[in-house]
Amino acid sequence: MNNAPDLYGVGIGIAVVVFVVYLALIAFMLWITYLIIRAAVTSGIMRASERGAFRSMGAPQYPAPPSMGAGPGHPEPGQPGGPRGSGGSSYPG
C-alpha cells in the first residue's frame, strides 16, 4: 500500500494555512502600528491645542511677500555699489 499520492494534498493545505497565518500576522502588525501612530497624533494635537497653537485658526497669518525690485541696501546692477558698478569692485565681499 502506497499512500504517498494521498498525502500531497495535506502538504499543500498546510502551506496555505501557514501563508494565511503569515498574512494575518502582517495585517495585525500594521493595525497595531496604525493605532500607535493615531494615538501619538491625537496626543500631539491635544498638547498643541492646550498651548494655544490653534488660537488664530480663523484666518492664516502669512508674512508679506518679498519685494522683487531693488530695495534699501540692494542697489540696481550698474549703479554705484551694485554689481559691476563704478562704486566698488566686482567681487563680492
Protein backbone atom coordinates (compact mmCIF):
# COMPACT_ATOMS: atom_id res chain seq x y z
CA MET A 1 0.00 0.00 0.00
CA ASN A 2 1.40 3.30 -1.09
CA ASN A 3 -0.38 6.35 0.35
CA ALA A 4 2.11 8.94 -0.97
CA PRO A 5 -0.21 10.47 -3.62
CA ASP A 6 -2.92 10.97 -0.99
CA LEU A 7 -0.54 12.93 1.30
CA TYR A 8 0.45 15.54 -1.27
CA GLY A 9 -2.78 17.45 -0.66
CA VAL A 10 -2.04 17.63 3.08
CA GLY A 11 1.29 19.37 2.44
CA ILE A 12 -0.32 21.93 0.15
CA GLY A 13 -3.09 22.52 2.69
CA ILE A 14 -0.56 23.11 5.47
CA ALA A 15 1.37 25.52 3.21
CA VAL A 16 -1.82 27.51 2.52
CA VAL A 17 -2.68 27.68 6.23
CA VAL A 18 0.86 28.85 7.09
CA PHE A 19 0.68 31.51 4.36
CA VAL A 20 -2.70 32.78 5.61
CA VAL A 21 -1.38 32.96 9.19
CA TYR A 22 1.68 34.87 7.91
CA LEU A 23 -0.55 37.42 6.13
CA ALA A 24 -2.74 37.71 9.23
CA LEU A 25 0.32 38.50 11.38
CA ILE A 26 1.46 41.20 8.96
CA ALA A 27 -2.03 42.74 8.96
CA PHE A 28 -2.11 42.64 12.76
CA MET A 29 1.28 44.39 13.00
CA LEU A 30 0.17 47.09 10.56
CA TRP A 31 -3.05 47.62 12.54
CA ILE A 32 -1.15 47.96 15.83
CA THR A 33 1.26 50.42 14.18
CA TYR A 34 -1.70 52.44 12.89
CA LEU A 35 -3.22 52.60 16.37
CA ILE A 36 0.07 53.75 17.91
CA ILE A 37 0.56 56.48 15.30
CA ARG A 38 -3.06 57.62 15.61
CA ALA A 39 -2.70 57.89 19.40
CA ALA A 40 0.53 59.87 19.02
CA VAL A 41 -1.01 62.30 16.54
CA THR A 42 -4.10 62.76 18.72
CA SER A 43 -1.89 63.40 21.73
CA GLY A 44 0.19 65.93 19.78
CA ILE A 45 -2.92 67.78 18.61
CA MET A 46 -4.28 67.87 22.16
CA ARG A 47 -0.99 69.24 23.51
CA ALA A 48 -0.80 71.86 20.79
CA SER A 49 -4.35 73.00 21.46
CA GLU A 50 -3.59 73.24 25.19
CA ARG A 51 -0.67 75.53 24.41
CA GLY A 52 -2.89 77.72 22.26
CA ALA A 53 -1.32 76.88 18.92
CA PHE A 54 -4.72 76.86 17.24
CA ARG A 55 -5.99 80.17 18.61
CA SER A 56 -5.77 82.05 15.35
CA MET A 57 -7.09 79.32 13.06
CA GLY A 58 -9.75 81.65 11.61
CA ALA A 59 -7.51 83.45 9.13
CA PRO A 60 -3.96 82.36 8.40
CA GLN A 61 -1.35 84.98 9.13
CA TYR A 62 1.26 84.93 6.38
CA PRO A 63 4.24 87.26 6.22
CA ALA A 64 4.37 89.81 3.44
CA PRO A 65 5.92 88.50 0.23
CA PRO A 66 9.44 89.69 -0.52
CA SER A 67 9.75 92.60 -2.93
CA MET A 68 11.05 91.78 -6.37
CA GLY A 69 12.69 95.14 -7.02
CA ALA A 70 15.78 96.64 -5.50
CA GLY A 71 15.21 97.95 -2.04
CA PRO A 72 17.28 99.79 0.52
CA GLY A 73 20.70 98.21 0.76
CA HIS A 74 20.30 96.42 -2.58
CA PRO A 75 21.23 98.82 -5.40
CA GLU A 76 20.38 98.12 -9.02
CA PRO A 77 23.05 96.46 -11.17
CA GLY A 78 25.32 99.02 -12.79
CA GLN A 79 24.77 101.61 -10.08
CA PRO A 80 27.49 102.69 -7.65
CA GLY A 81 27.87 99.95 -5.09
CA GLY A 82 25.94 97.46 -7.23
CA PRO A 83 27.26 94.51 -9.19
CA ARG A 84 29.90 95.69 -11.67
CA GLY A 85 29.13 99.29 -10.83
CA SER A 86 31.63 102.08 -10.72
CA GLY A 87 31.36 102.40 -6.96
CA GLY A 88 33.35 99.32 -5.93
CA SER A 89 34.99 96.08 -7.00
CA SER A 90 33.13 93.46 -8.98
CA TYR A 91 33.97 90.79 -6.42
CA PRO A 92 31.55 90.30 -3.52
CA GLY A 93 32.88 90.52 -0.04
